[in-house]
Protein backbone atom coordinates (compact mmCIF):
# COMPACT_ATOMS: atom_id res chain seq x y z
CA UNK A 1 -84.97 95.01 -87.72
CA UNK A 2 -88.35 93.55 -88.77
CA UNK A 3 -88.96 96.63 -90.93
CA UNK A 4 -85.76 96.18 -92.94
CA UNK A 5 -86.47 95.53 -96.56
CA UNK A 6 -85.70 91.90 -97.42
CA UNK A 7 -83.91 92.70 -100.66
CA UNK A 8 -81.65 95.23 -98.94
CA UNK A 9 -80.71 92.62 -96.35
CA UNK A 10 -79.81 90.05 -99.01
CA UNK A 11 -77.76 92.68 -100.83
CA UNK A 12 -75.82 93.62 -97.69
CA UNK A 13 -75.04 90.01 -96.85
CA UNK A 14 -73.80 89.32 -100.39
CA UNK A 15 -71.58 92.46 -100.28
CA UNK A 16 -70.14 91.24 -97.00
CA UNK A 17 -69.07 87.95 -98.54
CA UNK A 18 -67.64 89.52 -101.65
CA UNK A 19 -65.55 91.84 -99.47
CA UNK A 20 -64.43 89.00 -97.20
CA UNK A 21 -63.33 86.95 -100.19
CA UNK A 22 -61.22 89.86 -101.47
CA UNK A 23 -59.31 90.04 -98.17
CA UNK A 24 -58.05 86.47 -98.19
CA UNK A 25 -55.23 86.60 -100.75
CA UNK A 26 -51.89 85.44 -99.51
CA UNK A 27 -48.52 85.07 -101.13
CA UNK A 28 -47.43 81.53 -102.09
CA UNK A 29 -43.78 82.54 -101.52
CA UNK A 30 -43.47 85.79 -99.52
CA UNK A 31 -39.76 85.79 -98.69
CA UNK A 32 -36.37 84.11 -98.89
CA UNK A 33 -36.80 80.54 -97.57
CA UNK A 34 -40.63 80.89 -97.85
CA UNK A 35 -41.57 81.07 -94.15
CA UNK A 36 -40.36 82.78 -91.00
CA UNK A 37 -38.62 79.60 -89.75
CA UNK A 38 -36.52 79.59 -93.00
CA UNK A 39 -37.34 75.94 -93.78
CA UNK A 40 -37.70 76.43 -97.55
CA UNK A 41 -40.77 74.16 -97.47
CA UNK A 42 -43.60 75.12 -99.81
CA UNK A 43 -47.28 74.20 -99.48
CA UNK A 44 -47.31 73.64 -103.25
CA UNK A 45 -45.77 71.12 -105.64
CA UNK A 46 -43.52 71.96 -108.55
CA UNK A 47 -43.56 70.52 -112.08
CA UNK A 48 -43.40 66.75 -112.57
CA UNK A 49 -41.21 67.33 -115.61
CA UNK A 50 -39.72 70.76 -116.36
CA UNK A 51 -40.93 72.68 -119.39
CA UNK A 52 -39.67 76.20 -119.99
CA UNK A 53 -42.60 78.61 -119.75
CA UNK A 54 -40.53 81.74 -120.30
CA UNK A 55 -37.32 83.56 -119.42
CA UNK A 56 -36.86 87.24 -118.66
CA UNK A 57 -33.48 88.74 -119.54
CA UNK A 58 -32.02 91.30 -117.14
CA UNK A 59 -28.72 93.04 -117.79
CA UNK A 60 -26.66 91.43 -115.02
CA UNK A 61 -26.40 88.22 -113.03
CA UNK A 62 -29.37 87.28 -110.84
CA UNK A 63 -28.35 85.74 -107.49
CA UNK A 64 -31.37 87.13 -105.63
CA UNK A 65 -34.20 84.67 -104.94
CA UNK A 66 -37.65 85.71 -106.08
CA UNK A 67 -40.65 86.50 -103.90
CA UNK A 68 -44.18 86.15 -105.25
CA UNK A 69 -46.91 88.67 -104.53
CA UNK A 70 -50.52 87.74 -103.74
CA UNK A 71 -51.47 88.52 -107.36
CA UNK A 72 -48.68 86.32 -108.75
CA UNK A 73 -46.19 89.10 -109.52
CA UNK A 74 -42.57 87.90 -109.30
CA UNK A 75 -40.13 90.27 -107.54
CA UNK A 76 -36.38 89.67 -107.87
CA UNK A 77 -33.14 91.63 -107.70
CA UNK A 78 -30.49 91.98 -110.39
CA UNK A 79 -26.79 92.72 -110.09
CA UNK A 80 -25.24 90.95 -107.11
CA UNK A 81 -21.98 92.92 -106.79
CA UNK A 82 -21.17 96.55 -105.86
CA UNK A 83 -20.15 97.35 -109.46
CA UNK A 84 -23.22 95.77 -111.07
CA UNK A 85 -24.17 96.95 -114.56
CA UNK A 86 -27.88 96.46 -113.85
CA UNK A 87 -28.79 97.47 -110.31
CA UNK A 88 -32.52 97.02 -109.91
CA UNK A 89 -35.49 95.25 -108.43
CA UNK A 90 -37.68 93.76 -111.15
CA UNK A 91 -41.43 93.10 -111.01
CA UNK A 92 -42.37 90.49 -113.61
CA UNK A 93 -45.90 89.43 -114.51
CA UNK A 94 -46.79 85.72 -114.29
CA UNK A 95 -46.69 85.54 -118.11
CA UNK A 96 -43.05 86.70 -118.15
CA UNK A 97 -43.63 90.30 -119.27
CA UNK A 98 -42.11 93.23 -117.40
CA UNK A 99 -44.44 94.94 -114.97
CA UNK A 100 -41.94 97.54 -113.79
CA UNK A 101 -38.28 98.04 -112.88
CA UNK A 102 -37.00 99.99 -109.88
CA UNK A 103 -33.38 101.18 -110.16
CA UNK A 104 -31.11 101.22 -107.12
CA UNK A 105 -27.65 102.74 -106.67
CA UNK A 106 -25.89 99.37 -106.74
CA UNK A 107 -26.57 95.66 -107.13
CA UNK A 108 -29.41 93.80 -105.42
CA UNK A 109 -28.18 90.50 -103.96
CA UNK A 110 -30.78 90.65 -101.18
CA UNK A 111 -33.92 88.61 -101.81
CA UNK A 112 -37.13 90.64 -101.48
CA UNK A 113 -39.86 89.97 -98.92
CA UNK A 114 -43.58 90.70 -99.14
CA UNK A 115 -45.05 92.50 -96.12
CA UNK A 116 -48.56 92.05 -94.69
CA UNK A 117 -49.81 94.97 -96.82
CA UNK A 118 -48.10 93.54 -99.95
CA UNK A 119 -45.26 96.09 -99.82
CA UNK A 120 -41.87 94.83 -101.07
CA UNK A 121 -38.88 95.00 -98.69
CA UNK A 122 -35.24 94.47 -99.72
CA UNK A 123 -31.69 95.70 -99.27
CA UNK A 124 -28.99 96.75 -101.73
CA UNK A 125 -25.28 97.13 -102.16
CA UNK A 126 -26.00 100.89 -102.24
CA UNK A 127 -26.23 100.72 -98.41
CA UNK A 128 -29.99 101.12 -98.26
CA UNK A 129 -33.09 99.36 -96.98
CA UNK A 130 -36.02 99.83 -99.35
CA UNK A 131 -39.78 99.43 -99.04
CA UNK A 132 -41.77 99.73 -102.26
CA UNK A 133 -45.45 99.73 -103.12
CA UNK A 134 -46.54 98.02 -106.31
CA UNK A 135 -48.65 100.61 -108.13
CA UNK A 136 -49.23 98.24 -111.09
CA UNK A 137 -47.35 100.26 -113.73
CA UNK A 138 -44.56 101.55 -111.50
CA UNK A 139 -42.93 101.12 -108.08
CA UNK A 140 -43.77 103.76 -105.50
CA UNK A 141 -40.98 104.35 -103.01
CA UNK A 142 -42.32 104.24 -99.46
CA UNK A 143 -39.04 103.92 -97.50
CA UNK A 144 -35.37 104.37 -98.26
CA UNK A 145 -33.38 104.05 -95.06
CA UNK A 146 -29.70 104.71 -95.74
CA UNK A 147 -27.33 102.59 -93.65
CA UNK A 148 -23.57 102.79 -93.25
CA UNK A 149 -22.70 99.77 -95.37
CA UNK A 150 -24.04 97.34 -97.97
CA UNK A 151 -26.91 94.89 -97.45
CA UNK A 152 -26.75 91.27 -98.66
CA UNK A 153 -29.11 89.87 -96.02
CA UNK A 154 -32.76 89.29 -96.94
CA UNK A 155 -35.37 90.90 -94.70
CA UNK A 156 -37.75 89.02 -92.43
CA UNK A 157 -41.09 90.88 -92.29
CA UNK A 158 -43.63 89.95 -89.62
CA UNK A 159 -47.41 90.14 -89.77
CA UNK A 160 -47.33 93.32 -87.66
CA UNK A 161 -45.05 95.05 -90.19
CA UNK A 162 -41.84 94.87 -88.14
CA UNK A 163 -38.80 93.81 -90.19
CA UNK A 164 -35.34 92.41 -89.37
CA UNK A 165 -32.31 92.49 -91.66
CA UNK A 166 -28.55 92.09 -91.43
CA UNK A 167 -25.94 94.48 -92.82
CA UNK A 168 -22.23 94.38 -93.66
CA UNK A 169 -21.67 97.07 -91.01
CA UNK A 170 -21.72 94.23 -88.43
CA UNK A 171 -25.34 94.94 -87.43
CA UNK A 172 -28.71 93.29 -87.23
CA UNK A 173 -31.40 95.93 -87.63
CA UNK A 174 -35.00 95.94 -86.43
CA UNK A 175 -37.31 98.28 -88.35
CA UNK A 176 -40.81 99.37 -87.41
CA UNK A 177 -43.64 99.40 -90.01
CA UNK A 178 -42.75 102.98 -90.97
CA UNK A 179 -39.22 101.83 -91.91
CA UNK A 180 -37.51 103.54 -88.99
CA UNK A 181 -34.83 101.75 -86.97
CA UNK A 182 -36.21 100.38 -83.69
CA UNK A 183 -32.90 99.03 -82.50
CA UNK A 184 -29.66 97.57 -83.78
CA UNK A 185 -27.33 94.86 -82.49
CA UNK A 186 -23.62 95.16 -83.19
CA UNK A 187 -21.98 91.79 -83.75
CA UNK A 188 -18.29 91.08 -84.20
CA UNK A 189 -18.34 91.12 -88.00
CA UNK A 190 -20.56 91.36 -91.11
CA UNK A 191 -24.10 89.95 -91.06
CA UNK A 192 -24.83 88.24 -94.38
CA UNK A 193 -27.26 85.85 -92.71
CA UNK A 194 -31.02 86.32 -93.08
CA UNK A 195 -32.84 85.98 -89.75
CA UNK A 196 -35.43 83.38 -88.76
CA UNK A 197 -38.00 83.67 -85.99
CA UNK A 198 -39.91 81.07 -83.98
CA UNK A 199 -43.59 81.01 -83.04
CA UNK A 200 -42.62 82.32 -79.59
CA UNK A 201 -40.73 85.24 -81.21
CA UNK A 202 -37.13 84.14 -80.71
CA UNK A 203 -34.97 85.55 -83.52
CA UNK A 204 -31.94 83.63 -84.79
CA UNK A 205 -29.24 85.06 -87.06
CA UNK A 206 -25.64 84.23 -87.91
CA UNK A 207 -22.61 86.51 -88.25
CA UNK A 208 -19.16 86.39 -89.81
CA UNK A 209 -17.89 86.62 -86.23
CA UNK A 210 -18.47 82.82 -86.07
CA UNK A 211 -21.53 83.08 -83.84
CA UNK A 212 -25.21 82.24 -83.98
CA UNK A 213 -27.31 84.75 -82.02
CA UNK A 214 -30.57 84.19 -80.13
CA UNK A 215 -32.53 87.42 -79.63
CA UNK A 216 -35.89 88.70 -78.42
CA UNK A 217 -37.42 91.95 -79.66
CA UNK A 218 -38.72 93.86 -76.62
CA UNK A 219 -40.12 96.75 -78.65
CA UNK A 220 -37.73 99.65 -78.14
CA UNK A 221 -34.81 97.38 -77.26
CA UNK A 222 -33.75 93.74 -77.37
CA UNK A 223 -32.45 90.87 -75.28
CA UNK A 224 -29.59 88.62 -76.44
CA UNK A 225 -30.26 85.24 -74.87
CA UNK A 226 -27.07 83.59 -76.01
CA UNK A 227 -24.32 83.52 -78.63
CA UNK A 228 -23.27 80.10 -79.88
CA UNK A 229 -19.65 80.06 -81.19
CA UNK A 230 -18.70 77.76 -84.08
CA UNK A 231 -15.01 78.52 -83.89
CA UNK A 232 -12.36 81.10 -83.15
CA UNK A 233 -11.72 84.26 -85.12
CA UNK A 234 -10.57 83.57 -87.97
CA UNK A 235 -10.56 79.74 -88.16
CA UNK A 236 -12.97 79.33 -91.05
CA UNK A 237 -16.38 79.01 -89.36
CA UNK A 238 -18.12 82.13 -90.67
CA UNK A 239 -21.89 81.92 -90.13
CA UNK A 240 -22.93 83.56 -93.41
CA UNK A 241 -25.73 81.07 -94.01
CA UNK A 242 -29.24 81.68 -92.75
CA UNK A 243 -30.51 79.46 -89.93
CA UNK A 244 -33.52 77.16 -90.27
CA UNK A 245 -35.64 76.13 -87.29
CA UNK A 246 -37.03 72.60 -86.99
CA UNK A 247 -40.36 71.62 -85.46
CA UNK A 248 -38.70 70.74 -82.14
CA UNK A 249 -36.91 74.10 -82.01
CA UNK A 250 -33.49 72.86 -83.18
CA UNK A 251 -31.59 75.46 -85.18
CA UNK A 252 -29.64 74.24 -88.23
CA UNK A 253 -26.95 76.37 -89.89
CA UNK A 254 -23.85 76.01 -92.03
CA UNK A 255 -20.48 77.77 -91.78
CA UNK A 256 -17.82 78.54 -94.37
CA UNK A 257 -14.22 79.80 -94.62
CA UNK A 258 -14.89 82.30 -97.43
CA UNK A 259 -15.85 85.93 -97.80
CA UNK A 260 -13.24 87.53 -95.55
CA UNK A 261 -11.38 90.32 -97.34
CA UNK A 262 -7.65 89.68 -97.78
CA UNK A 263 -7.89 86.40 -95.89
CA UNK A 264 -6.87 83.04 -97.32
CA UNK A 265 -9.61 80.45 -96.73
CA UNK A 266 -8.81 78.19 -93.79
CA UNK A 267 -9.34 74.43 -94.24
CA UNK A 268 -12.11 73.16 -91.97
CA UNK A 269 -13.43 69.69 -91.23
CA UNK A 270 -16.81 70.55 -89.76
CA UNK A 271 -19.17 72.90 -91.56
CA UNK A 272 -22.76 72.14 -90.55
CA UNK A 273 -24.25 72.42 -87.08
CA UNK A 274 -27.38 71.72 -85.06
CA UNK A 275 -27.94 73.92 -82.00
CA UNK A 276 -30.47 73.36 -79.21
CA UNK A 277 -32.92 76.15 -78.31
CA UNK A 278 -30.95 76.77 -75.10
CA UNK A 279 -27.81 77.53 -77.12
CA UNK A 280 -25.96 74.28 -76.46
CA UNK A 281 -24.38 72.29 -79.28
CA UNK A 282 -26.56 69.38 -80.40
CA UNK A 283 -24.24 67.95 -83.04
CA UNK A 284 -21.84 68.86 -85.85
CA UNK A 285 -21.64 67.29 -89.29
CA UNK A 286 -18.46 67.15 -91.38
CA UNK A 287 -18.37 68.09 -95.06
CA UNK A 288 -15.38 68.50 -97.36
CA UNK A 289 -15.73 72.28 -97.64
CA UNK A 290 -17.77 75.17 -96.29
CA UNK A 291 -21.56 75.48 -96.27
CA UNK A 292 -22.91 78.90 -97.27
CA UNK A 293 -26.23 77.52 -98.45
CA UNK A 294 -29.15 77.95 -96.06
CA UNK A 295 -30.62 74.57 -95.09
CA UNK A 296 -34.06 73.33 -96.03
CA UNK A 297 -36.21 71.06 -93.88
CA UNK A 298 -38.46 68.49 -95.56
CA UNK A 299 -41.93 67.34 -94.48
CA UNK A 300 -40.36 64.39 -92.64
CA UNK A 301 -37.73 66.54 -90.88
CA UNK A 302 -34.83 65.66 -93.20
CA UNK A 303 -32.32 68.51 -93.50
CA UNK A 304 -30.99 69.40 -96.95
CA UNK A 305 -28.09 71.70 -97.84
CA UNK A 306 -25.34 72.20 -100.41
CA UNK A 307 -21.62 72.77 -99.99
CA UNK A 308 -18.63 74.31 -101.66
CA UNK A 309 -17.47 70.70 -102.10
CA UNK A 310 -20.06 70.55 -104.96
CA UNK A 311 -22.28 68.16 -103.01
CA UNK A 312 -25.94 68.19 -102.01
CA UNK A 313 -26.46 66.55 -98.60
CA UNK A 314 -29.52 65.02 -96.97
CA UNK A 315 -29.05 64.56 -93.22
CA UNK A 316 -31.39 63.29 -90.52
CA UNK A 317 -31.28 64.54 -86.96
CA UNK A 318 -30.36 61.55 -84.82
CA UNK A 319 -30.53 63.48 -81.56
CA UNK A 320 -26.85 63.29 -80.68
CA UNK A 321 -25.53 63.23 -84.25
CA UNK A 322 -26.37 64.20 -87.80
CA UNK A 323 -26.79 61.03 -89.87
CA UNK A 324 -26.10 61.08 -93.60
CA UNK A 325 -29.17 59.92 -95.50
CA UNK A 326 -27.73 60.47 -98.97
CA UNK A 327 -25.47 62.81 -100.91
CA UNK A 328 -25.10 63.75 -104.55
CA UNK A 329 -22.00 65.19 -106.22
CA UNK A 330 -22.76 67.91 -108.77
CA UNK A 331 -20.34 69.44 -111.25
CA UNK A 332 -19.84 72.72 -109.40
CA UNK A 333 -20.05 74.61 -106.13
CA UNK A 334 -23.49 74.46 -104.50
CA UNK A 335 -24.20 77.77 -102.77
CA UNK A 336 -27.88 77.95 -103.73
CA UNK A 337 -30.31 77.02 -100.97
CA UNK A 338 -32.70 74.06 -101.37
CA UNK A 339 -36.45 74.43 -101.81
CA UNK A 340 -38.77 71.56 -100.89
CA UNK A 341 -42.15 71.03 -102.54
CA UNK A 342 -45.20 69.81 -100.65
CA UNK A 343 -44.60 66.33 -102.12
CA UNK A 344 -41.03 66.24 -100.73
CA UNK A 345 -39.22 67.03 -103.99
CA UNK A 346 -35.98 68.96 -103.39
CA UNK A 347 -35.01 71.69 -105.87
CA UNK A 348 -31.48 73.13 -105.80
CA UNK A 349 -29.14 74.77 -108.28
CA UNK A 350 -25.39 74.44 -108.77
CA UNK A 351 -22.61 76.51 -110.29
CA UNK A 352 -22.46 73.76 -112.95
CA UNK A 353 -25.42 75.58 -114.62
CA UNK A 354 -27.89 72.87 -113.64
CA UNK A 355 -31.07 72.92 -111.60
CA UNK A 356 -31.60 69.56 -109.88
CA UNK A 357 -34.88 68.07 -108.67
CA UNK A 358 -34.35 65.16 -106.25
CA UNK A 359 -36.82 62.67 -104.88
CA UNK A 360 -36.72 62.34 -101.08
CA UNK A 361 -34.68 59.13 -101.44
CA UNK A 362 -31.92 60.98 -103.32
CA UNK A 363 -32.73 59.74 -106.80
CA UNK A 364 -32.89 62.37 -109.51
CA UNK A 365 -36.40 63.30 -110.53
CA UNK A 366 -35.23 65.59 -113.32
CA UNK A 367 -32.51 68.07 -114.22
CA UNK A 368 -32.67 71.31 -116.17
CA UNK A 369 -29.70 72.91 -117.91
CA UNK A 370 -29.63 76.71 -117.57
CA UNK A 371 -27.35 79.20 -119.28
CA UNK A 372 -25.09 79.87 -116.30
CA UNK A 373 -24.35 79.10 -112.68
CA UNK A 374 -27.23 79.14 -110.20
CA UNK A 375 -26.96 80.70 -106.74
CA UNK A 376 -30.59 81.87 -106.63
CA UNK A 377 -33.02 79.58 -104.82
CA UNK A 378 -36.17 78.19 -106.40
CA UNK A 379 -39.55 79.68 -105.48
CA UNK A 380 -42.81 77.79 -106.10
CA UNK A 381 -46.00 79.53 -107.20
CA UNK A 382 -49.47 78.37 -106.27
CA UNK A 383 -50.02 77.00 -109.77
CA UNK A 384 -46.92 74.79 -109.61
CA UNK A 385 -44.62 77.03 -111.67
CA UNK A 386 -41.10 77.43 -110.27
CA UNK A 387 -38.90 80.52 -110.68
CA UNK A 388 -35.16 81.01 -110.23
CA UNK A 389 -32.44 83.43 -111.25
CA UNK A 390 -29.19 82.64 -113.03
CA UNK A 391 -25.77 84.15 -113.65
CA UNK A 392 -26.70 84.42 -117.34
CA UNK A 393 -28.91 87.33 -116.26
CA UNK A 394 -32.17 85.49 -116.81
CA UNK A 395 -35.10 84.70 -114.59
CA UNK A 396 -36.47 81.26 -115.50
CA UNK A 397 -40.05 79.99 -115.18
CA UNK A 398 -40.50 76.22 -115.42
CA UNK A 399 -43.85 74.41 -115.40
CA UNK A 400 -45.46 71.15 -116.38
CA UNK A 401 -45.62 70.24 -120.08
CA UNK A 402 -49.41 69.88 -120.08
CA UNK A 403 -52.28 71.25 -118.00
CA UNK A 404 -52.67 69.54 -114.65
CA UNK A 405 -55.65 69.28 -112.35
CA UNK A 406 -56.00 67.22 -109.20
CA UNK A 407 -58.21 66.17 -106.32
CA UNK A 408 -57.21 67.98 -103.11
CA UNK A 409 -59.50 66.27 -100.58
CA UNK A 410 -62.93 64.79 -99.92
CA UNK A 411 -64.68 67.28 -97.65
CA UNK A 412 -66.95 65.07 -95.56
CA UNK A 413 -67.19 64.21 -91.86
CA UNK A 414 -65.51 60.97 -90.75
CA UNK A 415 -68.76 59.88 -89.10
CA UNK A 416 -72.14 60.23 -90.79
CA UNK A 417 -75.65 59.69 -89.47
CA UNK A 418 -77.15 56.43 -90.72
CA UNK A 419 -80.14 57.04 -92.95
CA UNK A 420 -79.61 60.84 -93.15
CA UNK A 421 -79.18 62.58 -96.51
CA UNK A 422 -75.54 63.51 -97.21
CA UNK A 423 -74.12 65.66 -99.99
CA UNK A 424 -70.64 64.47 -101.00
CA UNK A 425 -68.23 67.35 -101.58
CA UNK A 426 -64.78 67.17 -103.20
CA UNK A 427 -62.25 70.00 -103.45
CA UNK A 428 -60.32 69.96 -106.73
CA UNK A 429 -57.63 72.32 -107.98
CA UNK A 430 -56.35 73.55 -111.31
CA UNK A 431 -52.59 73.75 -110.72
CA UNK A 432 -51.79 75.38 -114.04
CA UNK A 433 -51.89 79.00 -115.14
CA UNK A 434 -54.77 78.86 -117.65
CA UNK A 435 -58.46 77.91 -117.21
CA UNK A 436 -59.23 74.20 -117.62
CA UNK A 437 -62.42 72.20 -118.17
CA UNK A 438 -62.43 68.70 -116.71
CA UNK A 439 -64.60 66.02 -115.15
CA UNK A 440 -64.73 64.94 -111.52
CA UNK A 441 -66.03 61.52 -110.49
CA UNK A 442 -67.01 60.10 -107.12
CA UNK A 443 -67.66 56.50 -106.18
CA UNK A 444 -68.91 55.28 -102.80
CA UNK A 445 -68.59 51.60 -101.93
CA UNK A 446 -69.72 49.48 -99.02
CA UNK A 447 -68.43 45.95 -98.76
CA UNK A 448 -66.93 46.15 -102.24
CA UNK A 449 -70.18 47.17 -103.92
CA UNK A 450 -70.94 50.62 -105.30
CA UNK A 451 -73.82 52.26 -103.42
CA UNK A 452 -73.57 55.73 -104.94
CA UNK A 453 -71.69 57.36 -107.81
CA UNK A 454 -71.84 60.61 -109.68
CA UNK A 455 -69.86 62.83 -112.02
CA UNK A 456 -69.85 66.53 -112.78
CA UNK A 457 -68.15 68.77 -115.33
CA UNK A 458 -66.03 71.66 -114.05
CA UNK A 459 -65.95 74.33 -116.74
CA UNK A 460 -63.15 76.88 -117.21
CA UNK A 461 -61.78 76.60 -113.69
CA UNK A 462 -59.25 79.44 -113.34
CA UNK A 463 -55.54 78.69 -113.13
CA UNK A 464 -54.29 78.14 -109.60
CA UNK A 465 -57.83 78.06 -108.20
CA UNK A 466 -59.66 75.48 -106.10
CA UNK A 467 -63.23 74.40 -106.82
CA UNK A 468 -65.73 72.70 -104.53
CA UNK A 469 -67.53 69.98 -106.47
CA UNK A 470 -70.97 69.20 -105.03
CA UNK A 471 -72.34 65.80 -106.05
CA UNK A 472 -75.90 64.52 -105.94
CA UNK A 473 -77.21 63.76 -102.42
CA UNK A 474 -76.70 60.27 -101.02
CA UNK A 475 -78.66 58.44 -98.33
CA UNK A 476 -76.52 55.87 -96.45
CA UNK A 477 -77.99 52.57 -95.30
CA UNK A 478 -79.97 52.89 -92.04
CA UNK A 479 -77.81 50.19 -90.41
CA UNK A 480 -75.19 51.42 -87.96
CA UNK A 481 -71.45 50.68 -87.99
CA UNK A 482 -71.05 50.41 -91.75
CA UNK A 483 -67.79 51.62 -93.30
CA UNK A 484 -67.97 53.37 -96.66
CA UNK A 485 -64.99 53.72 -98.99
CA UNK A 486 -65.09 56.94 -101.02
CA UNK A 487 -62.89 57.50 -104.06
CA UNK A 488 -62.78 60.58 -106.23
CA UNK A 489 -60.72 61.31 -109.30
CA UNK A 490 -60.35 64.00 -111.93
CA UNK A 491 -60.18 63.40 -115.67
CA UNK A 492 -58.46 65.80 -118.07
CA UNK A 493 -57.36 64.27 -121.36
CA UNK A 494 -54.20 66.39 -121.64
CA UNK A 495 -53.14 65.86 -118.00
CA UNK A 496 -49.76 64.13 -117.80
CA UNK A 497 -49.42 64.52 -114.04
CA UNK A 498 -51.38 61.57 -112.66
CA UNK A 499 -49.96 61.45 -109.14
CA UNK A 500 -52.49 63.87 -107.66
CA UNK A 501 -55.59 63.01 -109.69
CA UNK A 502 -57.36 60.89 -107.07
CA UNK A 503 -58.19 60.96 -103.38
CA UNK A 504 -59.54 58.32 -100.95
CA UNK A 505 -61.51 58.67 -97.75
CA UNK A 506 -63.44 56.43 -95.33
CA UNK A 507 -66.53 57.27 -93.31
CA UNK A 508 -68.42 55.33 -90.65
CA UNK A 509 -72.19 55.37 -90.18
CA UNK A 510 -73.30 56.05 -86.62
CA UNK A 511 -76.50 56.88 -84.83
CA UNK A 512 -77.05 60.57 -85.32
CA UNK A 513 -79.15 63.25 -83.78
CA UNK A 514 -81.91 64.54 -86.08
CA UNK A 515 -81.03 67.92 -87.54
CA UNK A 516 -83.02 71.07 -86.83
CA UNK A 517 -84.97 72.32 -89.84
CA UNK A 518 -83.51 75.69 -90.85
CA UNK A 519 -80.24 75.05 -89.03
CA UNK A 520 -77.81 74.12 -91.85
CA UNK A 521 -74.71 75.05 -89.82
CA UNK A 522 -75.72 72.54 -87.13
CA UNK A 523 -75.28 74.76 -84.06
CA UNK A 524 -78.78 73.99 -82.77
CA UNK A 525 -80.18 77.45 -83.47
CA UNK A 526 -82.01 79.02 -86.40
CA UNK A 527 -80.65 82.53 -86.88
CA UNK A 528 -78.78 84.89 -89.19
CA UNK A 529 -75.74 82.60 -89.14
CA UNK A 530 -77.75 79.94 -90.97
CA UNK A 531 -78.75 82.44 -93.64
CA UNK A 532 -75.10 83.41 -94.04
CA UNK A 533 -74.15 79.69 -94.17
CA UNK A 534 -76.60 79.06 -97.02
CA UNK A 535 -75.40 82.07 -99.01
CA UNK A 536 -71.80 80.89 -98.63
CA UNK A 537 -72.78 77.35 -99.64
CA UNK A 538 -74.74 78.39 -102.73
CA UNK A 539 -72.67 81.31 -103.97
CA UNK A 540 -69.19 81.17 -102.37
CA UNK A 541 -68.41 77.41 -102.51
CA UNK A 542 -68.84 77.02 -98.77
CA UNK A 543 -69.30 73.69 -96.95
CA UNK A 544 -72.43 71.63 -97.54
CA UNK A 545 -75.22 71.52 -94.93
CA UNK A 546 -75.26 68.48 -92.68
CA UNK A 547 -77.73 66.83 -92.49
CA UNK A 548 -78.54 67.95 -96.00
CA UNK A 549 -82.32 68.21 -95.65
CA UNK A 550 -82.10 70.86 -92.88
CA UNK A 551 -81.64 73.49 -95.61
CA UNK A 552 -84.68 72.71 -97.76
CA UNK A 553 -86.89 74.83 -95.52
CA UNK A 554 -89.69 75.20 -98.08
CA UNK A 555 -89.73 71.45 -98.85
CA UNK A 556 -89.62 71.85 -102.63
CA UNK A 557 -86.81 69.32 -103.00
CA UNK A 558 -84.17 71.93 -103.88
CA UNK A 559 -81.76 74.14 -101.98
CA UNK A 560 -81.59 77.55 -103.64
CA UNK A 561 -82.25 81.27 -103.23
CA UNK A 562 -85.87 80.53 -102.33
CA UNK A 563 -84.74 78.82 -99.12
CA UNK A 564 -82.58 81.83 -98.23
CA UNK A 565 -85.52 84.18 -98.83
CA UNK A 566 -87.81 81.83 -96.85
CA UNK A 567 -85.49 81.91 -93.81
CA UNK A 568 -85.11 85.69 -94.00
CA UNK A 569 -88.88 86.04 -94.17
CA UNK A 570 -89.30 83.68 -91.21
CA UNK A 571 -86.74 85.46 -89.03
CA UNK A 572 -87.46 89.09 -89.89
CA UNK A 573 -90.86 89.34 -91.63
CA UNK A 574 -93.12 87.04 -89.56
CA UNK A 575 -93.05 84.40 -92.30
CA UNK A 576 -94.01 80.73 -91.98
CA UNK A 577 -91.98 78.29 -89.91
CA UNK A 578 -89.38 76.20 -91.76
CA UNK A 579 -90.69 72.82 -92.88
CA UNK A 580 -88.21 70.11 -93.92
CA UNK A 581 -89.10 66.68 -95.21
């Protein structure tokens, strides 16, 4: 190892980090209802006020809900009936241009899902389960598994590549990563519902046979733990909606009296249910008509859903009952499912051709008038753009009217060593689609007086990307027990979204152990991990060393490539010992 050329070693380490960075892309919205629990809760926020970025015109109604690939590509189906005039899955670039179009034999109501290898899974009215690969200019067919009846369910794809999907042939299917059927469960009627799964791998799915099913995948077969009945056949409690799973394991699902061929809808007085993980009824909530919408669960646990009675409901789980928090009457049937932004905003469409954005208290944040009814659910991209389909055949992209940047967090320990040099670090984000240049400020106060402040310019930060802002080093007072108030804020002249521009944090000075010179990662050893830590800090926006001076191993007052070379020379070329001031 001591004979290895120093430059080769640096090159190999840098290649390692570039490769690692390329492996970390994830989809901001990989499937119908966003996550495997079907909560509809996004880690991102949508637009503060809606501005049309673009529309893409298909040739039939779009009831499918879009999925977003790791590179930002929007995938959505067109033609939601068996006799659709445009039966296809579309791939649309983030700028609204067509990437490619994959034709199917009949309409695509099913919402696509992105697999762990970025493959696109969906079903169709042509009685098939598809898996496609995005080859940039065209879709490459990987799997077409022909079933015995149409598919309206949206697939659930796990990290191991297994997938679950309902079918109108009364079945829930489990597929292996190759697209072959592992097993199938025959229910008492059609399965429109899209399955959810818990962290302990319990699968929940509804059926038109009025039941909610609890299932475990055993590999080559399955176990049905229980079936929870919502009514008798046919009394109007069809479980077409997809279940959502709360943090405590409660399963929430709606029922409706519609969708049965040659059957007149049956009046019902109870349409929404909460079921315990053991299959017992927790509570039922009455609406004035059926609930086909799949519920969303907000950050505070509030459950949101729409109804055929044209109303959006917000309900809290009171343990033994569902308690109405608020409701809002729209001008048409609400069979779209709600999406919740990270800030708690609820987005839901109605057949009255309107997309509604509600604040968590039920007040309207904004409304957007589309060109037709909306059954498609909103998806939220990492840059804050929202997408939805419409019965006018268009896919809509709405964003903020002006560029928006914000402070994500102050990345510092809650306790700092008194008298030790600290480098303040702030993570900021450009939420928009185009590069932005803006300023970031930091101010540190103790007892109401500023003890340190700094500002930096962030130039051309890419759209949707985070940036670690490193400010000038700060040396806290040597006295112990002092509390410091740290405020950071971003400044962009054209930014109209001010709610996320600042962040606040408090740290406490304590008696600290002196750092080891050459040990920037603080594990008490000087080794290759410290060299990797410094490379990540300097060139990959990694965390700052703490204490700060442990990285200036050549004592020239700077932390740069010379310190990395110095440590490599020390460890592998018999160089001088690290020396920190």
